[in-house]
Amino acid sequence: MSTGTPVPLALAPARRDVLARRIRLLVAATITYNVVETVVALTAGALASSTALVGFGLDSVIEVSSAAAVAWQFSASGHEQRQARERRTLRIIAVSFFALAGYVAVDAVRALTGTGESERSLPGIVIAALSLAVMPVLSAAQRRAGRELDSASAVADSRQTLLCAHLSAALLAGLVLNAALGWSWADPAAALVIAALAVKEGRDAWQGTGCCGATRTGGC
C-alpha cells in the first residue's frame, strides 16, 4: 500500500554530467568576477581606510578560494570521487568564513573605538552596487544545479555567493551614509554585519547544512 510519500528519482549519469559542467562554468564565472571585485575593493578600501570595503575585498578572496575548492571537487571524473571530496570542500569553505569574520570584527571594533576613520569612496559604492546586481543571479543558478545534483558543497558555495549580495547591501548602505551624511561609524557597523553573516554561513558549512538548510544525510 502506498504511503503517499514521493520517492526521489536518481539522476541519470548524462544529467549528472550536464549539471557538473554547468556548476564548473558558474564557478569559473564567479571566480573571474571576484578577482576583479577583490582588486577594486581592496584598493579602494586601503585608499579610504574603509574597514567594510577591506572586509568585502577579503570576502571576495574567500569566495575565490571557495569556488576553486568546488571546481576541484567537480574536476573529479566520477560521481563517487566528487562525493569523497565534498566534506573536505565544505571544511575549506567553513574555515574561510571564520577567518574572514575574525579579521573583520577586530578591525571594525578598532574603527568604532576611534583608532581609525574611513573616508568617502565612490569606487566602493560602484563595486558594491554592481555586486548587488550580479551575485544573486550567479547564486540562484548554482543553487538550482547543486540541489538537483544533491551536492551540499555546490549549494554551500552558492550561499556564499548570495552572502556576497547581502554584504554588498550592507556595504552600500554604510558607504552611502558615510558619503552623504558623514557618518563614518556606518562603515565599521556595516563591517560587523559582514562578520556576523560570515560566522553563520561558516557554521552552516562546517555542519554540512548547505543543502536545503538541513544537515546532509544523503539528500535534500
N, C-alpha and C. Protein backbone atom coordinates (compact mmCIF):
# COMPACT_ATOMS: atom_id res chain seq x y z
N MET A 1 0.85 -1.20 0.00
CA MET A 1 0.00 0.00 0.00
C MET A 1 0.89 1.25 0.00
N SER A 2 0.54 2.19 -0.81
CA SER A 2 1.35 3.40 -0.93
C SER A 2 1.19 4.28 0.29
N THR A 3 2.29 4.87 0.75
CA THR A 3 2.25 5.78 1.90
C THR A 3 2.00 7.22 1.48
N GLY A 4 2.00 7.46 0.17
CA GLY A 4 1.78 8.81 -0.33
C GLY A 4 3.03 9.66 -0.33
N THR A 5 4.17 9.11 0.11
CA THR A 5 5.43 9.86 0.14
C THR A 5 6.18 9.67 -1.17
N PRO A 6 6.48 10.73 -1.90
CA PRO A 6 7.16 10.58 -3.19
C PRO A 6 8.57 10.04 -2.99
N VAL A 7 8.98 9.16 -3.88
CA VAL A 7 10.32 8.59 -3.85
C VAL A 7 11.19 9.36 -4.84
N PRO A 8 12.30 10.00 -4.35
CA PRO A 8 13.15 10.77 -5.26
C PRO A 8 13.77 9.90 -6.33
N LEU A 9 13.75 10.39 -7.55
CA LEU A 9 14.31 9.64 -8.67
C LEU A 9 15.81 9.92 -8.77
N ALA A 10 16.57 8.85 -9.02
CA ALA A 10 18.01 9.00 -9.19
C ALA A 10 18.28 9.68 -10.52
N LEU A 11 19.26 10.58 -10.53
CA LEU A 11 19.62 11.26 -11.77
C LEU A 11 20.36 10.31 -12.70
N ALA A 12 20.07 10.42 -13.97
CA ALA A 12 20.79 9.64 -14.97
C ALA A 12 22.22 10.17 -15.05
N PRO A 13 23.19 9.31 -15.36
CA PRO A 13 24.59 9.76 -15.47
C PRO A 13 24.77 10.93 -16.43
N ALA A 14 24.03 10.92 -17.54
CA ALA A 14 24.17 12.01 -18.51
C ALA A 14 23.72 13.34 -17.90
N ARG A 15 22.64 13.30 -17.12
CA ARG A 15 22.14 14.51 -16.48
C ARG A 15 23.14 14.99 -15.42
N ARG A 16 23.75 14.07 -14.69
CA ARG A 16 24.75 14.44 -13.70
C ARG A 16 25.93 15.15 -14.36
N ASP A 17 26.34 14.65 -15.52
CA ASP A 17 27.45 15.27 -16.24
C ASP A 17 27.09 16.68 -16.70
N VAL A 18 25.86 16.86 -17.16
CA VAL A 18 25.40 18.19 -17.60
C VAL A 18 25.43 19.17 -16.43
N LEU A 19 24.92 18.74 -15.27
CA LEU A 19 24.87 19.60 -14.09
C LEU A 19 26.28 19.91 -13.58
N ALA A 20 27.15 18.91 -13.62
CA ALA A 20 28.53 19.12 -13.18
C ALA A 20 29.23 20.15 -14.07
N ARG A 21 29.01 20.06 -15.40
CA ARG A 21 29.60 21.04 -16.32
C ARG A 21 29.03 22.43 -16.06
N ARG A 22 27.73 22.49 -15.79
CA ARG A 22 27.10 23.79 -15.52
C ARG A 22 27.70 24.43 -14.26
N ILE A 23 27.89 23.62 -13.24
CA ILE A 23 28.47 24.14 -11.99
C ILE A 23 29.89 24.64 -12.23
N ARG A 24 30.66 23.89 -13.03
CA ARG A 24 32.03 24.33 -13.32
C ARG A 24 32.04 25.67 -14.05
N LEU A 25 31.11 25.87 -14.99
CA LEU A 25 31.03 27.14 -15.71
C LEU A 25 30.63 28.29 -14.77
N LEU A 26 29.66 28.02 -13.90
CA LEU A 26 29.23 29.05 -12.95
C LEU A 26 30.34 29.40 -11.97
N VAL A 27 31.08 28.38 -11.55
CA VAL A 27 32.20 28.60 -10.65
C VAL A 27 33.27 29.45 -11.36
N ALA A 28 33.54 29.16 -12.63
CA ALA A 28 34.52 29.94 -13.38
C ALA A 28 34.09 31.40 -13.49
N ALA A 29 32.79 31.63 -13.73
CA ALA A 29 32.28 32.99 -13.81
C ALA A 29 32.41 33.70 -12.47
N THR A 30 32.11 32.98 -11.39
CA THR A 30 32.22 33.56 -10.05
C THR A 30 33.65 33.93 -9.73
N ILE A 31 34.59 33.05 -10.06
CA ILE A 31 36.00 33.32 -9.80
C ILE A 31 36.46 34.56 -10.57
N THR A 32 36.10 34.63 -11.85
CA THR A 32 36.52 35.76 -12.69
C THR A 32 36.00 37.08 -12.13
N TYR A 33 34.72 37.11 -11.79
CA TYR A 33 34.15 38.35 -11.26
C TYR A 33 34.79 38.72 -9.93
N ASN A 34 34.99 37.72 -9.07
CA ASN A 34 35.52 38.02 -7.74
C ASN A 34 36.97 38.46 -7.75
N VAL A 35 37.73 38.03 -8.73
CA VAL A 35 39.11 38.53 -8.86
C VAL A 35 39.08 40.04 -9.11
N VAL A 36 38.21 40.46 -10.03
CA VAL A 36 38.06 41.90 -10.31
C VAL A 36 37.56 42.63 -9.06
N GLU A 37 36.55 42.06 -8.41
CA GLU A 37 35.97 42.65 -7.22
C GLU A 37 37.01 42.79 -6.11
N THR A 38 37.86 41.78 -5.95
CA THR A 38 38.90 41.81 -4.93
C THR A 38 39.85 42.98 -5.13
N VAL A 39 40.33 43.12 -6.37
CA VAL A 39 41.29 44.19 -6.67
C VAL A 39 40.68 45.56 -6.41
N VAL A 40 39.44 45.77 -6.88
CA VAL A 40 38.79 47.07 -6.71
C VAL A 40 38.51 47.36 -5.24
N ALA A 41 37.94 46.38 -4.53
CA ALA A 41 37.55 46.60 -3.14
C ALA A 41 38.75 46.81 -2.22
N LEU A 42 39.79 46.00 -2.37
CA LEU A 42 40.96 46.14 -1.51
C LEU A 42 41.70 47.45 -1.79
N THR A 43 41.80 47.82 -3.07
CA THR A 43 42.47 49.07 -3.42
C THR A 43 41.69 50.28 -2.90
N ALA A 44 40.37 50.28 -3.16
CA ALA A 44 39.53 51.38 -2.69
C ALA A 44 39.48 51.42 -1.17
N GLY A 45 39.43 50.24 -0.55
CA GLY A 45 39.38 50.19 0.91
C GLY A 45 40.65 50.72 1.55
N ALA A 46 41.80 50.39 0.97
CA ALA A 46 43.06 50.89 1.50
C ALA A 46 43.17 52.41 1.35
N LEU A 47 42.73 52.92 0.20
CA LEU A 47 42.80 54.36 -0.04
C LEU A 47 41.86 55.14 0.88
N ALA A 48 40.69 54.55 1.19
CA ALA A 48 39.69 55.25 2.01
C ALA A 48 39.75 54.85 3.48
N SER A 49 40.67 53.94 3.84
CA SER A 49 40.75 53.41 5.21
C SER A 49 39.41 52.84 5.64
N SER A 50 38.76 52.13 4.72
CA SER A 50 37.42 51.60 4.95
C SER A 50 37.50 50.14 5.41
N THR A 51 37.11 49.90 6.66
CA THR A 51 37.08 48.54 7.19
C THR A 51 36.11 47.67 6.41
N ALA A 52 34.94 48.21 6.11
CA ALA A 52 33.92 47.44 5.41
C ALA A 52 34.38 47.07 4.01
N LEU A 53 35.01 48.00 3.30
CA LEU A 53 35.49 47.71 1.95
C LEU A 53 36.61 46.67 1.96
N VAL A 54 37.53 46.77 2.92
CA VAL A 54 38.59 45.78 3.02
C VAL A 54 38.00 44.41 3.36
N GLY A 55 37.04 44.40 4.29
CA GLY A 55 36.38 43.14 4.63
C GLY A 55 35.65 42.55 3.44
N PHE A 56 35.03 43.40 2.64
CA PHE A 56 34.34 42.95 1.44
C PHE A 56 35.33 42.38 0.44
N GLY A 57 36.49 43.04 0.31
CA GLY A 57 37.51 42.53 -0.59
C GLY A 57 38.05 41.19 -0.13
N LEU A 58 38.24 41.04 1.18
CA LEU A 58 38.71 39.76 1.72
C LEU A 58 37.67 38.67 1.53
N ASP A 59 36.40 39.04 1.64
CA ASP A 59 35.34 38.07 1.37
C ASP A 59 35.41 37.60 -0.08
N SER A 60 35.78 38.50 -0.98
CA SER A 60 35.93 38.12 -2.38
C SER A 60 37.08 37.13 -2.56
N VAL A 61 38.16 37.33 -1.79
CA VAL A 61 39.27 36.37 -1.82
C VAL A 61 38.78 35.00 -1.37
N ILE A 62 37.97 34.99 -0.30
CA ILE A 62 37.44 33.73 0.23
C ILE A 62 36.50 33.09 -0.78
N GLU A 63 35.71 33.91 -1.46
CA GLU A 63 34.81 33.36 -2.47
C GLU A 63 35.61 32.69 -3.60
N VAL A 64 36.74 33.28 -3.96
CA VAL A 64 37.59 32.68 -4.98
C VAL A 64 38.12 31.33 -4.50
N SER A 65 38.59 31.27 -3.25
CA SER A 65 39.12 30.00 -2.72
C SER A 65 38.01 28.97 -2.59
N SER A 66 36.82 29.41 -2.18
CA SER A 66 35.69 28.50 -2.06
C SER A 66 35.29 27.95 -3.42
N ALA A 67 35.19 28.85 -4.41
CA ALA A 67 34.82 28.42 -5.75
C ALA A 67 35.88 27.50 -6.34
N ALA A 68 37.15 27.79 -6.04
CA ALA A 68 38.23 26.93 -6.53
C ALA A 68 38.14 25.54 -5.91
N ALA A 69 37.74 25.49 -4.62
CA ALA A 69 37.58 24.19 -3.95
C ALA A 69 36.45 23.39 -4.59
N VAL A 70 35.35 24.07 -4.93
CA VAL A 70 34.24 23.39 -5.59
C VAL A 70 34.67 22.94 -6.99
N ALA A 71 35.43 23.79 -7.70
CA ALA A 71 35.93 23.39 -9.02
C ALA A 71 36.81 22.16 -8.91
N TRP A 72 37.65 22.10 -7.86
CA TRP A 72 38.49 20.92 -7.63
C TRP A 72 37.63 19.69 -7.39
N GLN A 73 36.57 19.86 -6.61
CA GLN A 73 35.68 18.73 -6.35
C GLN A 73 35.06 18.22 -7.64
N PHE A 74 34.58 19.13 -8.47
CA PHE A 74 33.87 18.72 -9.68
C PHE A 74 34.81 18.43 -10.85
N SER A 75 36.11 18.56 -10.60
CA SER A 75 37.06 18.11 -11.62
C SER A 75 37.27 16.61 -11.57
N ALA A 76 36.77 15.97 -10.50
CA ALA A 76 36.87 14.51 -10.40
C ALA A 76 36.08 13.86 -11.53
N SER A 77 36.52 12.71 -11.96
CA SER A 77 35.95 12.08 -13.15
C SER A 77 34.60 11.43 -12.92
N GLY A 78 34.29 11.04 -11.69
CA GLY A 78 33.04 10.33 -11.44
C GLY A 78 32.30 10.86 -10.23
N HIS A 79 31.03 10.46 -10.11
CA HIS A 79 30.18 10.92 -9.01
C HIS A 79 30.74 10.49 -7.66
N GLU A 80 31.24 9.28 -7.56
CA GLU A 80 31.76 8.79 -6.29
C GLU A 80 32.97 9.60 -5.83
N GLN A 81 33.85 9.94 -6.77
CA GLN A 81 35.02 10.74 -6.42
C GLN A 81 34.62 12.14 -5.97
N ARG A 82 33.61 12.70 -6.62
CA ARG A 82 33.14 14.03 -6.22
C ARG A 82 32.59 13.99 -4.79
N GLN A 83 31.82 12.95 -4.48
CA GLN A 83 31.27 12.83 -3.13
C GLN A 83 32.38 12.69 -2.10
N ALA A 84 33.43 11.97 -2.43
CA ALA A 84 34.54 11.78 -1.50
C ALA A 84 35.25 13.10 -1.19
N ARG A 85 35.25 14.02 -2.16
CA ARG A 85 35.91 15.30 -1.97
C ARG A 85 35.01 16.34 -1.30
N GLU A 86 33.73 16.07 -1.18
CA GLU A 86 32.78 17.08 -0.75
C GLU A 86 33.01 17.56 0.68
N ARG A 87 33.23 16.64 1.62
CA ARG A 87 33.41 17.04 3.01
C ARG A 87 34.62 17.96 3.17
N ARG A 88 35.72 17.64 2.48
CA ARG A 88 36.90 18.49 2.56
C ARG A 88 36.60 19.87 1.99
N THR A 89 35.82 19.92 0.91
CA THR A 89 35.45 21.20 0.31
C THR A 89 34.63 22.04 1.28
N LEU A 90 33.68 21.41 1.97
CA LEU A 90 32.86 22.13 2.95
C LEU A 90 33.71 22.68 4.09
N ARG A 91 34.72 21.91 4.52
CA ARG A 91 35.60 22.36 5.59
C ARG A 91 36.39 23.60 5.15
N ILE A 92 36.87 23.59 3.90
CA ILE A 92 37.60 24.74 3.38
C ILE A 92 36.72 25.98 3.39
N ILE A 93 35.49 25.83 2.94
CA ILE A 93 34.55 26.95 2.91
C ILE A 93 34.30 27.48 4.32
N ALA A 94 34.08 26.57 5.28
CA ALA A 94 33.78 26.98 6.65
C ALA A 94 34.93 27.73 7.30
N VAL A 95 36.14 27.18 7.19
CA VAL A 95 37.31 27.82 7.79
C VAL A 95 37.55 29.20 7.18
N SER A 96 37.31 29.33 5.89
CA SER A 96 37.46 30.62 5.22
C SER A 96 36.50 31.66 5.79
N PHE A 97 35.26 31.26 6.03
CA PHE A 97 34.27 32.15 6.63
C PHE A 97 34.72 32.61 8.02
N PHE A 98 35.17 31.67 8.85
CA PHE A 98 35.56 32.01 10.22
C PHE A 98 36.76 32.97 10.23
N ALA A 99 37.71 32.74 9.34
CA ALA A 99 38.87 33.62 9.25
C ALA A 99 38.45 35.04 8.87
N LEU A 100 37.54 35.14 7.91
CA LEU A 100 37.03 36.45 7.49
C LEU A 100 36.35 37.16 8.65
N ALA A 101 35.47 36.43 9.36
CA ALA A 101 34.71 37.03 10.46
C ALA A 101 35.64 37.58 11.54
N GLY A 102 36.68 36.82 11.89
CA GLY A 102 37.61 37.26 12.92
C GLY A 102 38.34 38.53 12.54
N TYR A 103 38.86 38.55 11.32
CA TYR A 103 39.61 39.73 10.89
C TYR A 103 38.72 40.97 10.83
N VAL A 104 37.56 40.84 10.20
CA VAL A 104 36.68 41.99 10.01
C VAL A 104 36.16 42.51 11.35
N ALA A 105 35.80 41.62 12.28
CA ALA A 105 35.29 42.04 13.57
C ALA A 105 36.33 42.84 14.35
N VAL A 106 37.56 42.35 14.37
CA VAL A 106 38.63 43.07 15.09
C VAL A 106 38.86 44.44 14.48
N ASP A 107 38.91 44.52 13.17
CA ASP A 107 39.17 45.80 12.51
C ASP A 107 37.99 46.76 12.68
N ALA A 108 36.75 46.22 12.69
CA ALA A 108 35.58 47.07 12.88
C ALA A 108 35.55 47.66 14.29
N VAL A 109 35.87 46.84 15.29
CA VAL A 109 35.93 47.34 16.67
C VAL A 109 36.99 48.42 16.81
N ARG A 110 38.14 48.19 16.16
CA ARG A 110 39.21 49.20 16.17
C ARG A 110 38.71 50.53 15.61
N ALA A 111 37.96 50.46 14.51
CA ALA A 111 37.45 51.68 13.88
C ALA A 111 36.40 52.36 14.77
N LEU A 112 35.53 51.55 15.38
CA LEU A 112 34.47 52.12 16.22
C LEU A 112 35.01 52.76 17.49
N THR A 113 36.14 52.29 17.97
CA THR A 113 36.72 52.86 19.19
C THR A 113 37.55 54.11 18.92
N GLY A 114 37.58 54.54 17.68
CA GLY A 114 38.19 55.82 17.36
C GLY A 114 39.62 55.77 16.92
N THR A 115 40.14 54.54 16.64
CA THR A 115 41.52 54.44 16.20
C THR A 115 41.65 54.47 14.68
N GLY A 116 40.56 54.71 14.03
CA GLY A 116 40.60 54.81 12.57
C GLY A 116 39.28 55.36 12.06
N GLU A 117 39.31 56.15 10.99
CA GLU A 117 38.09 56.74 10.44
C GLU A 117 38.13 56.64 8.93
N SER A 118 37.05 56.12 8.35
CA SER A 118 37.03 55.90 6.91
C SER A 118 36.65 57.16 6.15
N GLU A 119 37.13 57.26 4.92
CA GLU A 119 36.78 58.37 4.04
C GLU A 119 35.74 57.91 3.03
N ARG A 120 35.21 58.86 2.28
CA ARG A 120 34.23 58.52 1.25
C ARG A 120 34.91 57.76 0.11
N SER A 121 34.16 56.85 -0.53
CA SER A 121 34.75 56.04 -1.61
C SER A 121 33.72 55.80 -2.71
N LEU A 122 33.83 56.56 -3.81
CA LEU A 122 32.94 56.37 -4.96
C LEU A 122 33.19 55.01 -5.63
N PRO A 123 34.46 54.58 -5.84
CA PRO A 123 34.67 53.24 -6.42
C PRO A 123 34.05 52.14 -5.57
N GLY A 124 34.10 52.30 -4.24
CA GLY A 124 33.49 51.32 -3.36
C GLY A 124 31.99 51.24 -3.55
N ILE A 125 31.35 52.39 -3.70
CA ILE A 125 29.89 52.42 -3.92
C ILE A 125 29.55 51.73 -5.24
N VAL A 126 30.36 51.99 -6.27
CA VAL A 126 30.09 51.39 -7.59
C VAL A 126 30.22 49.88 -7.54
N ILE A 127 31.31 49.36 -6.93
CA ILE A 127 31.51 47.91 -6.91
C ILE A 127 30.48 47.23 -6.02
N ALA A 128 30.05 47.89 -4.95
CA ALA A 128 29.01 47.31 -4.09
C ALA A 128 27.68 47.21 -4.83
N ALA A 129 27.33 48.26 -5.57
CA ALA A 129 26.08 48.25 -6.33
C ALA A 129 26.11 47.20 -7.43
N LEU A 130 27.25 47.08 -8.12
CA LEU A 130 27.38 46.09 -9.19
C LEU A 130 27.27 44.67 -8.63
N SER A 131 27.92 44.42 -7.51
CA SER A 131 27.86 43.09 -6.90
C SER A 131 26.45 42.76 -6.44
N LEU A 132 25.73 43.76 -5.96
CA LEU A 132 24.35 43.56 -5.53
C LEU A 132 23.47 43.11 -6.69
N ALA A 133 23.83 43.50 -7.91
CA ALA A 133 23.06 43.10 -9.09
C ALA A 133 23.50 41.75 -9.64
N VAL A 134 24.82 41.47 -9.60
CA VAL A 134 25.36 40.28 -10.25
C VAL A 134 25.25 39.03 -9.40
N MET A 135 25.59 39.13 -8.11
CA MET A 135 25.72 37.95 -7.27
C MET A 135 24.44 37.12 -7.08
N PRO A 136 23.27 37.74 -6.92
CA PRO A 136 22.07 36.91 -6.77
C PRO A 136 21.79 36.03 -7.99
N VAL A 137 22.14 36.52 -9.17
CA VAL A 137 21.91 35.75 -10.40
C VAL A 137 22.81 34.52 -10.43
N LEU A 138 24.10 34.71 -10.14
CA LEU A 138 25.04 33.58 -10.12
C LEU A 138 24.67 32.59 -9.02
N SER A 139 24.28 33.10 -7.87
CA SER A 139 23.93 32.24 -6.74
C SER A 139 22.72 31.37 -7.05
N ALA A 140 21.68 31.97 -7.61
CA ALA A 140 20.45 31.22 -7.91
C ALA A 140 20.71 30.11 -8.92
N ALA A 141 21.51 30.40 -9.94
CA ALA A 141 21.80 29.39 -10.96
C ALA A 141 22.58 28.23 -10.37
N GLN A 142 23.58 28.52 -9.54
CA GLN A 142 24.38 27.44 -8.95
C GLN A 142 23.58 26.67 -7.91
N ARG A 143 22.73 27.35 -7.16
CA ARG A 143 21.91 26.67 -6.15
C ARG A 143 20.97 25.66 -6.80
N ARG A 144 20.34 26.06 -7.91
CA ARG A 144 19.43 25.14 -8.60
C ARG A 144 20.17 23.90 -9.07
N ALA A 145 21.33 24.11 -9.69
CA ALA A 145 22.11 22.97 -10.19
C ALA A 145 22.60 22.10 -9.04
N GLY A 146 23.06 22.73 -7.95
CA GLY A 146 23.56 21.98 -6.81
C GLY A 146 22.50 21.16 -6.12
N ARG A 147 21.30 21.71 -6.00
CA ARG A 147 20.22 20.97 -5.37
C ARG A 147 19.78 19.78 -6.23
N GLU A 148 19.70 20.00 -7.53
CA GLU A 148 19.31 18.89 -8.40
C GLU A 148 20.37 17.79 -8.38
N LEU A 149 21.64 18.20 -8.27
CA LEU A 149 22.73 17.22 -8.23
C LEU A 149 22.91 16.64 -6.83
N ASP A 150 22.23 17.22 -5.83
CA ASP A 150 22.33 16.79 -4.43
C ASP A 150 23.75 16.98 -3.91
N SER A 151 24.32 18.15 -4.19
CA SER A 151 25.68 18.47 -3.76
C SER A 151 25.65 19.56 -2.70
N ALA A 152 25.97 19.20 -1.46
CA ALA A 152 25.98 20.17 -0.36
C ALA A 152 27.03 21.25 -0.58
N SER A 153 28.18 20.88 -1.13
CA SER A 153 29.25 21.86 -1.32
C SER A 153 28.88 22.89 -2.39
N ALA A 154 28.23 22.44 -3.46
CA ALA A 154 27.82 23.38 -4.51
C ALA A 154 26.77 24.35 -3.97
N VAL A 155 25.84 23.83 -3.15
CA VAL A 155 24.82 24.69 -2.56
C VAL A 155 25.45 25.64 -1.55
N ALA A 156 26.41 25.12 -0.74
CA ALA A 156 27.10 25.98 0.23
C ALA A 156 27.85 27.10 -0.48
N ASP A 157 28.48 26.79 -1.60
CA ASP A 157 29.19 27.81 -2.35
C ASP A 157 28.21 28.83 -2.93
N SER A 158 27.02 28.36 -3.35
CA SER A 158 26.02 29.29 -3.87
C SER A 158 25.52 30.21 -2.75
N ARG A 159 25.46 29.68 -1.54
CA ARG A 159 25.05 30.51 -0.40
C ARG A 159 26.13 31.53 -0.07
N GLN A 160 27.38 31.16 -0.27
CA GLN A 160 28.45 32.12 -0.07
C GLN A 160 28.36 33.23 -1.11
N THR A 161 28.00 32.87 -2.33
CA THR A 161 27.82 33.88 -3.36
C THR A 161 26.64 34.78 -3.02
N LEU A 162 25.56 34.20 -2.47
CA LEU A 162 24.42 35.02 -2.06
C LEU A 162 24.80 35.90 -0.87
N LEU A 163 25.65 35.38 0.02
CA LEU A 163 26.14 36.19 1.13
C LEU A 163 26.83 37.44 0.59
N CYS A 164 27.54 37.30 -0.52
CA CYS A 164 28.21 38.45 -1.12
C CYS A 164 27.18 39.53 -1.48
N ALA A 165 25.99 39.11 -1.93
CA ALA A 165 24.94 40.08 -2.24
C ALA A 165 24.47 40.79 -0.97
N HIS A 166 24.31 40.02 0.12
CA HIS A 166 23.91 40.62 1.40
C HIS A 166 24.99 41.58 1.90
N LEU A 167 26.24 41.16 1.76
CA LEU A 167 27.33 42.01 2.17
C LEU A 167 27.38 43.27 1.32
N SER A 168 27.08 43.12 0.03
CA SER A 168 27.05 44.27 -0.86
C SER A 168 26.03 45.29 -0.41
N ALA A 169 24.85 44.80 0.03
CA ALA A 169 23.80 45.69 0.50
C ALA A 169 24.24 46.43 1.76
N ALA A 170 24.85 45.67 2.71
CA ALA A 170 25.32 46.30 3.94
C ALA A 170 26.43 47.30 3.64
N LEU A 171 27.35 46.90 2.78
CA LEU A 171 28.46 47.78 2.40
C LEU A 171 27.95 49.04 1.72
N LEU A 172 27.03 48.86 0.79
CA LEU A 172 26.48 50.01 0.05
C LEU A 172 25.81 50.99 1.00
N ALA A 173 25.04 50.46 1.96
CA ALA A 173 24.37 51.34 2.93
C ALA A 173 25.40 52.12 3.74
N GLY A 174 26.44 51.42 4.22
CA GLY A 174 27.45 52.09 5.02
C GLY A 174 28.21 53.14 4.24
N LEU A 175 28.59 52.82 3.00
CA LEU A 175 29.35 53.77 2.19
C LEU A 175 28.51 54.99 1.80
N VAL A 176 27.24 54.76 1.47
CA VAL A 176 26.37 55.88 1.09
C VAL A 176 26.11 56.79 2.28
N LEU A 177 25.85 56.20 3.46
CA LEU A 177 25.63 57.01 4.66
C LEU A 177 26.87 57.84 5.00
N ASN A 178 28.03 57.22 4.83
CA ASN A 178 29.27 57.95 5.12
C ASN A 178 29.49 59.08 4.11
N ALA A 179 29.22 58.78 2.82
CA ALA A 179 29.43 59.78 1.77
C ALA A 179 28.41 60.91 1.84
N ALA A 180 27.15 60.57 2.12
CA ALA A 180 26.10 61.57 2.07
C ALA A 180 25.97 62.37 3.37
N LEU A 181 26.15 61.68 4.49
CA LEU A 181 25.89 62.32 5.78
C LEU A 181 27.12 62.45 6.67
N GLY A 182 28.24 61.90 6.20
CA GLY A 182 29.44 61.97 7.01
C GLY A 182 29.43 61.06 8.22
N TRP A 183 28.60 60.01 8.18
CA TRP A 183 28.51 59.07 9.31
C TRP A 183 29.62 58.02 9.16
N SER A 184 30.80 58.32 9.65
CA SER A 184 31.92 57.40 9.49
C SER A 184 31.71 56.10 10.26
N TRP A 185 30.88 56.15 11.32
CA TRP A 185 30.61 54.93 12.09
C TRP A 185 29.81 53.91 11.28
N ALA A 186 29.14 54.35 10.22
CA ALA A 186 28.32 53.43 9.42
C ALA A 186 29.19 52.40 8.71
N ASP A 187 30.43 52.76 8.41
CA ASP A 187 31.33 51.84 7.72
C ASP A 187 31.70 50.64 8.60
N PRO A 188 32.25 50.85 9.82
CA PRO A 188 32.52 49.68 10.67
C PRO A 188 31.27 48.95 11.12
N ALA A 189 30.15 49.67 11.23
CA ALA A 189 28.90 48.99 11.57
C ALA A 189 28.52 48.00 10.48
N ALA A 190 28.68 48.41 9.22
CA ALA A 190 28.42 47.51 8.10
C ALA A 190 29.39 46.33 8.14
N ALA A 191 30.64 46.60 8.55
CA ALA A 191 31.63 45.53 8.64
C ALA A 191 31.23 44.49 9.69
N LEU A 192 30.65 44.92 10.81
CA LEU A 192 30.20 43.98 11.84
C LEU A 192 29.06 43.11 11.33
N VAL A 193 28.20 43.68 10.50
CA VAL A 193 27.15 42.87 9.86
C VAL A 193 27.78 41.80 8.98
N ILE A 194 28.81 42.18 8.23
CA ILE A 194 29.53 41.23 7.40
C ILE A 194 30.11 40.10 8.24
N ALA A 195 30.72 40.45 9.38
CA ALA A 195 31.33 39.44 10.26
C ALA A 195 30.28 38.48 10.81
N ALA A 196 29.13 39.01 11.23
CA ALA A 196 28.08 38.17 11.80
C ALA A 196 27.53 37.19 10.76
N LEU A 197 27.31 37.67 9.56
CA LEU A 197 26.81 36.80 8.49
C LEU A 197 27.85 35.73 8.13
N ALA A 198 29.12 36.10 8.17
CA ALA A 198 30.17 35.14 7.85
C ALA A 198 30.23 34.01 8.88
N VAL A 199 30.04 34.33 10.16
CA VAL A 199 30.03 33.30 11.20
C VAL A 199 28.90 32.31 10.98
N LYS A 200 27.71 32.83 10.67
CA LYS A 200 26.56 31.97 10.44
C LYS A 200 26.80 31.03 9.27
N GLU A 201 27.28 31.58 8.16
CA GLU A 201 27.50 30.75 6.99
C GLU A 201 28.63 29.75 7.21
N GLY A 202 29.65 30.15 7.96
CA GLY A 202 30.73 29.22 8.28
C GLY A 202 30.24 28.06 9.11
N ARG A 203 29.40 28.34 10.10
CA ARG A 203 28.84 27.27 10.93
C ARG A 203 28.00 26.31 10.10
N ASP A 204 27.19 26.86 9.21
CA ASP A 204 26.34 26.01 8.37
C ASP A 204 27.18 25.12 7.46
N ALA A 205 28.25 25.69 6.88
CA ALA A 205 29.11 24.90 6.00
C ALA A 205 29.82 23.80 6.78
N TRP A 206 30.30 24.12 8.00
CA TRP A 206 31.00 23.13 8.82
C TRP A 206 30.09 21.96 9.17
N GLN A 207 28.82 22.28 9.44
CA GLN A 207 27.85 21.24 9.81
C GLN A 207 27.28 20.52 8.60
N GLY A 208 27.64 21.00 7.40
CA GLY A 208 27.13 20.37 6.20
C GLY A 208 25.69 20.69 5.92
N THR A 209 25.25 21.91 6.28
CA THR A 209 23.86 22.29 6.08
C THR A 209 23.68 23.18 4.86
N GLY A 210 24.58 23.04 3.89
CA GLY A 210 24.45 23.86 2.68
C GLY A 210 23.29 23.44 1.82
N CYS A 211 22.77 22.23 2.04
CA CYS A 211 21.70 21.70 1.19
C CYS A 211 20.36 21.82 1.88
N CYS A 212 19.54 22.75 1.43
CA CYS A 212 18.19 22.91 1.93
C CYS A 212 18.12 23.25 3.40
N GLY A 213 19.24 23.73 4.01
CA GLY A 213 19.21 24.18 5.38
C GLY A 213 19.17 23.08 6.40
N ALA A 214 19.38 21.82 6.03
CA ALA A 214 19.36 20.72 6.98
C ALA A 214 20.64 19.92 6.86
N THR A 215 21.07 19.34 7.99
CA THR A 215 22.31 18.56 7.95
C THR A 215 22.23 17.47 6.92
N ARG A 216 23.26 17.37 6.11
CA ARG A 216 23.27 16.45 5.00
C ARG A 216 23.36 15.00 5.49
N THR A 217 22.41 14.18 5.10
CA THR A 217 22.42 12.77 5.46
C THR A 217 22.15 11.92 4.25
N GLY A 218 22.29 12.49 3.08
CA GLY A 218 22.10 11.71 1.88
C GLY A 218 21.13 12.29 0.89
N GLY A 219 20.59 13.46 1.18
CA GLY A 219 19.71 14.07 0.19
C GLY A 219 19.06 15.30 0.76
N CYS A 220 18.46 16.08 -0.11
CA CYS A 220 17.77 17.28 0.29
C CYS A 220 16.34 16.96 0.57
